Amino acid sequence: MKHLFPTSDEQTIKIIPRVYTTSIVLKLRDDSSNEIVSITPTSSIVKGYLEITSVFDFKEGRFYDLKVIDTTNDQIIYRDKIFCTAQLTSQANNEYYSVNKDEYKPKSGNNDFIILWVNV
């Protein structure tokens, strides 16, 4: 799964496709609205990766299906999922995505409780 930001700046995706070619088109399907968008990005092959650069119109908190299609023979050379969020994530720094980020504030204080037994 790829993680991209909801920005109007160019973003780069690095992939390892089935076939290395720079004549590609991206098919992006929004999982929420089922809308499909085609993008013709700039691409280059760098150190064993196909680097795809484009401006994506993603919305915060949504998932997208990604298909990379070789335009010379109309074959799918890569599939993946994209998640769009403005939260910074890094497994190396133990920073993970949280649905409740900045919304849930744990209450500090005493969490002890008392159990009363009543003999009748």
N, C-alpha and C. Protein backbone atom coordinates (compact mmCIF):
# COMPACT_ATOMS: atom_id res chain seq x y z
N MET A 1 0.84 -1.16 0.00
CA MET A 1 0.00 0.00 0.00
C MET A 1 0.89 1.23 0.00
N LYS A 2 0.51 2.19 -0.81
CA LYS A 2 1.23 3.45 -0.90
C LYS A 2 0.52 4.50 -0.04
N HIS A 3 1.28 5.42 0.50
CA HIS A 3 0.75 6.50 1.32
C HIS A 3 1.09 7.81 0.62
N LEU A 4 0.03 8.57 0.25
CA LEU A 4 0.23 9.86 -0.40
C LEU A 4 -0.52 10.93 0.37
N PHE A 5 -0.18 12.18 0.09
CA PHE A 5 -0.74 13.31 0.82
C PHE A 5 -1.83 14.00 0.01
N PRO A 6 -2.80 14.65 0.68
CA PRO A 6 -3.82 15.42 -0.03
C PRO A 6 -3.29 16.82 -0.36
N THR A 7 -2.48 16.91 -1.38
CA THR A 7 -1.85 18.17 -1.75
C THR A 7 -1.94 18.39 -3.25
N SER A 8 -1.76 19.61 -3.67
CA SER A 8 -1.77 19.91 -5.10
C SER A 8 -0.36 19.96 -5.67
N ASP A 9 0.63 19.54 -4.89
CA ASP A 9 2.01 19.45 -5.35
C ASP A 9 2.25 18.11 -6.05
N GLU A 10 3.33 18.05 -6.83
CA GLU A 10 3.70 16.78 -7.46
C GLU A 10 4.16 15.80 -6.40
N GLN A 11 3.79 14.53 -6.60
CA GLN A 11 4.23 13.46 -5.71
C GLN A 11 4.79 12.33 -6.57
N THR A 12 5.73 11.59 -6.01
CA THR A 12 6.38 10.51 -6.74
C THR A 12 6.10 9.18 -6.06
N ILE A 13 5.74 8.19 -6.87
CA ILE A 13 5.52 6.83 -6.42
C ILE A 13 6.62 5.97 -7.03
N LYS A 14 7.26 5.14 -6.22
CA LYS A 14 8.27 4.19 -6.72
C LYS A 14 7.65 2.80 -6.70
N ILE A 15 7.73 2.11 -7.84
CA ILE A 15 7.16 0.77 -7.94
C ILE A 15 8.14 -0.16 -8.64
N ILE A 16 7.91 -1.45 -8.48
CA ILE A 16 8.63 -2.47 -9.24
C ILE A 16 7.58 -3.16 -10.12
N PRO A 17 7.48 -2.77 -11.38
CA PRO A 17 6.43 -3.31 -12.24
C PRO A 17 6.80 -4.66 -12.84
N ARG A 18 5.85 -5.28 -13.49
CA ARG A 18 6.10 -6.55 -14.21
C ARG A 18 6.99 -6.32 -15.42
N VAL A 19 6.78 -5.17 -16.09
CA VAL A 19 7.54 -4.80 -17.28
C VAL A 19 7.99 -3.36 -17.11
N TYR A 20 9.26 -3.09 -17.39
CA TYR A 20 9.77 -1.73 -17.27
C TYR A 20 9.53 -0.98 -18.57
N THR A 21 8.70 0.03 -18.50
CA THR A 21 8.41 0.90 -19.64
C THR A 21 8.04 2.28 -19.09
N THR A 22 8.29 3.31 -19.88
CA THR A 22 7.94 4.65 -19.44
C THR A 22 6.71 5.19 -20.15
N SER A 23 6.14 4.42 -21.06
CA SER A 23 4.89 4.83 -21.71
C SER A 23 3.73 4.18 -20.97
N ILE A 24 3.26 4.89 -19.94
CA ILE A 24 2.24 4.33 -19.05
C ILE A 24 1.10 5.32 -18.85
N VAL A 25 0.00 4.78 -18.37
CA VAL A 25 -1.14 5.57 -17.92
C VAL A 25 -1.60 4.98 -16.59
N LEU A 26 -2.04 5.84 -15.68
CA LEU A 26 -2.53 5.40 -14.38
C LEU A 26 -4.05 5.42 -14.36
N LYS A 27 -4.65 4.38 -13.85
CA LYS A 27 -6.10 4.33 -13.62
C LYS A 27 -6.29 4.32 -12.11
N LEU A 28 -6.93 5.34 -11.58
CA LEU A 28 -7.18 5.47 -10.14
C LEU A 28 -8.67 5.40 -9.89
N ARG A 29 -9.07 4.49 -9.00
CA ARG A 29 -10.48 4.36 -8.64
C ARG A 29 -10.65 4.71 -7.17
N ASP A 30 -11.50 5.69 -6.91
CA ASP A 30 -11.83 6.09 -5.55
C ASP A 30 -12.75 5.02 -4.95
N ASP A 31 -12.35 4.41 -3.83
CA ASP A 31 -13.15 3.36 -3.22
C ASP A 31 -14.48 3.88 -2.67
N SER A 32 -14.54 5.16 -2.29
CA SER A 32 -15.76 5.72 -1.72
C SER A 32 -16.81 6.06 -2.78
N SER A 33 -16.37 6.71 -3.84
CA SER A 33 -17.32 7.16 -4.87
C SER A 33 -17.35 6.28 -6.11
N ASN A 34 -16.41 5.34 -6.20
CA ASN A 34 -16.28 4.44 -7.36
C ASN A 34 -15.96 5.20 -8.65
N GLU A 35 -15.45 6.40 -8.53
CA GLU A 35 -15.08 7.23 -9.69
C GLU A 35 -13.69 6.82 -10.17
N ILE A 36 -13.54 6.66 -11.49
CA ILE A 36 -12.27 6.26 -12.09
C ILE A 36 -11.68 7.45 -12.85
N VAL A 37 -10.39 7.71 -12.59
CA VAL A 37 -9.69 8.81 -13.24
C VAL A 37 -8.45 8.24 -13.92
N SER A 38 -8.18 8.70 -15.14
CA SER A 38 -6.96 8.32 -15.87
C SER A 38 -5.97 9.46 -15.84
N ILE A 39 -4.72 9.16 -15.56
CA ILE A 39 -3.66 10.16 -15.49
C ILE A 39 -2.50 9.68 -16.34
N THR A 40 -1.94 10.58 -17.14
CA THR A 40 -0.72 10.28 -17.88
C THR A 40 0.43 11.01 -17.19
N PRO A 41 1.21 10.28 -16.37
CA PRO A 41 2.26 10.91 -15.57
C PRO A 41 3.58 10.95 -16.32
N THR A 42 4.55 11.61 -15.71
CA THR A 42 5.94 11.50 -16.18
C THR A 42 6.55 10.33 -15.42
N SER A 43 7.36 9.54 -16.10
CA SER A 43 7.94 8.37 -15.46
C SER A 43 9.37 8.16 -15.93
N SER A 44 10.15 7.54 -15.07
CA SER A 44 11.54 7.22 -15.40
C SER A 44 11.96 5.98 -14.63
N ILE A 45 12.96 5.30 -15.14
CA ILE A 45 13.49 4.10 -14.50
C ILE A 45 14.78 4.49 -13.77
N VAL A 46 14.76 4.34 -12.43
CA VAL A 46 15.90 4.75 -11.61
C VAL A 46 16.23 3.63 -10.63
N LYS A 47 17.42 3.06 -10.75
CA LYS A 47 17.94 2.04 -9.82
C LYS A 47 16.95 0.90 -9.58
N GLY A 48 16.38 0.37 -10.63
CA GLY A 48 15.49 -0.77 -10.51
C GLY A 48 14.05 -0.45 -10.17
N TYR A 49 13.73 0.82 -10.03
CA TYR A 49 12.37 1.25 -9.74
C TYR A 49 11.81 2.05 -10.91
N LEU A 50 10.52 1.97 -11.10
CA LEU A 50 9.83 2.86 -12.03
C LEU A 50 9.28 3.98 -11.18
N GLU A 51 9.80 5.19 -11.36
CA GLU A 51 9.36 6.35 -10.60
C GLU A 51 8.29 7.09 -11.39
N ILE A 52 7.13 7.23 -10.78
CA ILE A 52 5.99 7.87 -11.42
C ILE A 52 5.71 9.18 -10.69
N THR A 53 5.73 10.28 -11.43
CA THR A 53 5.53 11.60 -10.83
C THR A 53 4.33 12.27 -11.49
N SER A 54 3.43 12.80 -10.65
CA SER A 54 2.26 13.49 -11.16
C SER A 54 1.61 14.28 -10.03
N VAL A 55 0.65 15.10 -10.39
CA VAL A 55 -0.19 15.79 -9.42
C VAL A 55 -1.47 14.98 -9.28
N PHE A 56 -1.75 14.53 -8.07
CA PHE A 56 -2.92 13.70 -7.82
C PHE A 56 -3.96 14.52 -7.06
N ASP A 57 -5.22 14.31 -7.39
CA ASP A 57 -6.31 15.01 -6.71
C ASP A 57 -6.96 14.05 -5.71
N PHE A 58 -6.26 13.81 -4.59
CA PHE A 58 -6.74 12.89 -3.58
C PHE A 58 -7.43 13.62 -2.45
N LYS A 59 -8.37 12.94 -1.82
CA LYS A 59 -9.09 13.49 -0.68
C LYS A 59 -8.64 12.79 0.59
N GLU A 60 -8.58 13.54 1.68
CA GLU A 60 -8.13 13.05 2.98
C GLU A 60 -8.94 11.85 3.46
N GLY A 61 -8.23 10.82 3.91
CA GLY A 61 -8.87 9.66 4.52
C GLY A 61 -9.52 8.69 3.56
N ARG A 62 -9.18 8.75 2.29
CA ARG A 62 -9.79 7.85 1.31
C ARG A 62 -8.77 6.86 0.76
N PHE A 63 -9.31 5.71 0.32
CA PHE A 63 -8.51 4.68 -0.33
C PHE A 63 -8.75 4.74 -1.84
N TYR A 64 -7.71 4.43 -2.59
CA TYR A 64 -7.78 4.41 -4.05
C TYR A 64 -7.14 3.12 -4.57
N ASP A 65 -7.72 2.56 -5.63
CA ASP A 65 -7.11 1.44 -6.33
C ASP A 65 -6.25 2.00 -7.45
N LEU A 66 -5.03 1.51 -7.56
CA LEU A 66 -4.09 1.99 -8.58
C LEU A 66 -3.81 0.87 -9.56
N LYS A 67 -3.95 1.18 -10.85
CA LYS A 67 -3.52 0.29 -11.92
C LYS A 67 -2.58 1.07 -12.81
N VAL A 68 -1.42 0.49 -13.08
CA VAL A 68 -0.47 1.08 -14.01
C VAL A 68 -0.55 0.25 -15.28
N ILE A 69 -0.87 0.93 -16.39
CA ILE A 69 -1.10 0.24 -17.65
C ILE A 69 -0.05 0.66 -18.67
N ASP A 70 0.55 -0.33 -19.30
CA ASP A 70 1.50 -0.11 -20.40
C ASP A 70 0.69 0.27 -21.63
N THR A 71 0.92 1.47 -22.16
CA THR A 71 0.12 1.95 -23.29
C THR A 71 0.50 1.31 -24.62
N THR A 72 1.67 0.67 -24.70
CA THR A 72 2.07 0.06 -25.97
C THR A 72 1.27 -1.20 -26.28
N ASN A 73 0.91 -1.97 -25.23
CA ASN A 73 0.13 -3.19 -25.48
C ASN A 73 -1.12 -3.29 -24.61
N ASP A 74 -1.43 -2.22 -23.89
CA ASP A 74 -2.65 -2.13 -23.07
C ASP A 74 -2.72 -3.23 -21.99
N GLN A 75 -1.58 -3.54 -21.38
CA GLN A 75 -1.50 -4.55 -20.33
C GLN A 75 -1.27 -3.90 -18.97
N ILE A 76 -1.85 -4.47 -17.92
CA ILE A 76 -1.63 -3.98 -16.56
C ILE A 76 -0.26 -4.50 -16.10
N ILE A 77 0.62 -3.58 -15.70
CA ILE A 77 1.95 -3.98 -15.27
C ILE A 77 2.15 -3.81 -13.76
N TYR A 78 1.17 -3.21 -13.08
CA TYR A 78 1.28 -3.04 -11.63
C TYR A 78 -0.09 -2.69 -11.05
N ARG A 79 -0.38 -3.24 -9.86
CA ARG A 79 -1.60 -2.91 -9.11
C ARG A 79 -1.22 -2.65 -7.66
N ASP A 80 -1.96 -1.73 -7.04
CA ASP A 80 -1.70 -1.43 -5.63
C ASP A 80 -2.86 -0.63 -5.06
N LYS A 81 -2.80 -0.37 -3.77
CA LYS A 81 -3.76 0.48 -3.08
C LYS A 81 -3.02 1.74 -2.64
N ILE A 82 -3.75 2.85 -2.62
CA ILE A 82 -3.21 4.12 -2.15
C ILE A 82 -4.11 4.61 -1.03
N PHE A 83 -3.50 5.07 0.06
CA PHE A 83 -4.26 5.70 1.13
C PHE A 83 -3.80 7.14 1.24
N CYS A 84 -4.74 8.06 1.27
CA CYS A 84 -4.44 9.48 1.31
C CYS A 84 -4.67 10.01 2.72
N THR A 85 -3.62 10.56 3.32
CA THR A 85 -3.73 11.18 4.64
C THR A 85 -2.63 12.22 4.80
N ALA A 86 -2.93 13.24 5.60
CA ALA A 86 -1.94 14.28 5.88
C ALA A 86 -1.07 13.90 7.07
N GLN A 87 -1.41 12.81 7.77
CA GLN A 87 -0.60 12.38 8.90
C GLN A 87 0.73 11.83 8.42
N LEU A 88 1.78 12.18 9.13
CA LEU A 88 3.09 11.63 8.81
C LEU A 88 3.19 10.24 9.43
N THR A 89 3.65 9.29 8.65
CA THR A 89 3.81 7.92 9.14
C THR A 89 5.22 7.47 8.84
N SER A 90 5.80 6.78 9.82
CA SER A 90 7.15 6.23 9.66
C SER A 90 7.30 5.06 10.62
N GLN A 91 7.42 3.86 10.08
CA GLN A 91 7.59 2.70 10.94
C GLN A 91 8.93 2.75 11.67
N ALA A 92 9.92 3.35 11.06
CA ALA A 92 11.23 3.45 11.70
C ALA A 92 11.17 4.31 12.97
N ASN A 93 10.29 5.31 12.97
CA ASN A 93 10.16 6.20 14.13
C ASN A 93 8.94 5.87 14.98
N ASN A 94 8.31 4.72 14.74
CA ASN A 94 7.10 4.29 15.46
C ASN A 94 5.97 5.32 15.34
N GLU A 95 5.82 5.93 14.17
CA GLU A 95 4.73 6.85 13.89
C GLU A 95 3.75 6.13 12.98
N TYR A 96 2.57 5.84 13.51
CA TYR A 96 1.58 5.09 12.76
C TYR A 96 0.33 5.93 12.57
N TYR A 97 -0.47 5.57 11.58
CA TYR A 97 -1.72 6.27 11.31
C TYR A 97 -2.71 6.00 12.44
N SER A 98 -3.43 7.04 12.85
CA SER A 98 -4.45 6.89 13.88
C SER A 98 -5.72 7.61 13.43
N VAL A 99 -6.83 6.91 13.48
CA VAL A 99 -8.12 7.51 13.13
C VAL A 99 -8.47 8.61 14.12
N ASN A 100 -8.07 8.44 15.37
CA ASN A 100 -8.43 9.38 16.44
C ASN A 100 -7.38 10.44 16.72
N LYS A 101 -6.43 10.62 15.83
CA LYS A 101 -5.35 11.59 16.08
C LYS A 101 -5.94 12.98 16.29
N ASP A 102 -5.53 13.61 17.37
CA ASP A 102 -5.95 14.96 17.77
C ASP A 102 -7.44 15.05 18.09
N GLU A 103 -8.14 13.95 18.20
CA GLU A 103 -9.55 13.97 18.56
C GLU A 103 -9.80 13.35 19.93
N TYR A 104 -9.13 12.26 20.21
CA TYR A 104 -9.32 11.56 21.47
C TYR A 104 -8.26 12.01 22.47
N LYS A 105 -8.71 12.57 23.57
CA LYS A 105 -7.81 13.01 24.63
C LYS A 105 -8.04 12.12 25.85
N PRO A 106 -7.06 11.29 26.20
CA PRO A 106 -7.27 10.44 27.37
C PRO A 106 -7.36 11.30 28.63
N LYS A 107 -8.29 10.95 29.49
CA LYS A 107 -8.50 11.70 30.72
C LYS A 107 -7.48 11.24 31.74
N SER A 108 -6.76 12.18 32.29
CA SER A 108 -5.77 11.82 33.30
C SER A 108 -6.44 11.81 34.67
N GLY A 109 -5.90 11.04 35.53
CA GLY A 109 -6.45 10.99 36.88
C GLY A 109 -6.55 9.56 37.36
N ASN A 110 -7.37 9.38 38.36
CA ASN A 110 -7.51 8.09 39.01
C ASN A 110 -8.54 7.24 38.28
N ASN A 111 -8.13 6.07 37.86
CA ASN A 111 -9.05 5.16 37.18
C ASN A 111 -9.51 4.04 38.11
N ASP A 112 -9.29 4.20 39.41
CA ASP A 112 -9.72 3.18 40.36
C ASP A 112 -11.24 3.20 40.49
N PHE A 113 -11.79 2.06 40.80
CA PHE A 113 -13.22 1.98 41.06
C PHE A 113 -13.44 1.10 42.28
N ILE A 114 -14.58 1.29 42.90
CA ILE A 114 -14.90 0.60 44.14
C ILE A 114 -16.06 -0.35 43.88
N ILE A 115 -15.92 -1.57 44.35
CA ILE A 115 -17.01 -2.55 44.24
C ILE A 115 -17.63 -2.69 45.62
N LEU A 116 -18.92 -2.47 45.71
CA LEU A 116 -19.63 -2.58 46.96
C LEU A 116 -20.38 -3.90 46.99
N TRP A 117 -20.22 -4.64 48.07
CA TRP A 117 -20.94 -5.89 48.27
C TRP A 117 -22.06 -5.66 49.27
N VAL A 118 -23.21 -6.07 48.92
CA VAL A 118 -24.35 -5.93 49.83
C VAL A 118 -24.84 -7.31 50.20
N ASN A 119 -24.85 -7.60 51.48
CA ASN A 119 -25.39 -8.88 51.96
C ASN A 119 -26.83 -8.68 52.37
N VAL A 120 -27.72 -9.45 51.81
CA VAL A 120 -29.14 -9.33 52.12
C VAL A 120 -29.62 -10.52 52.90
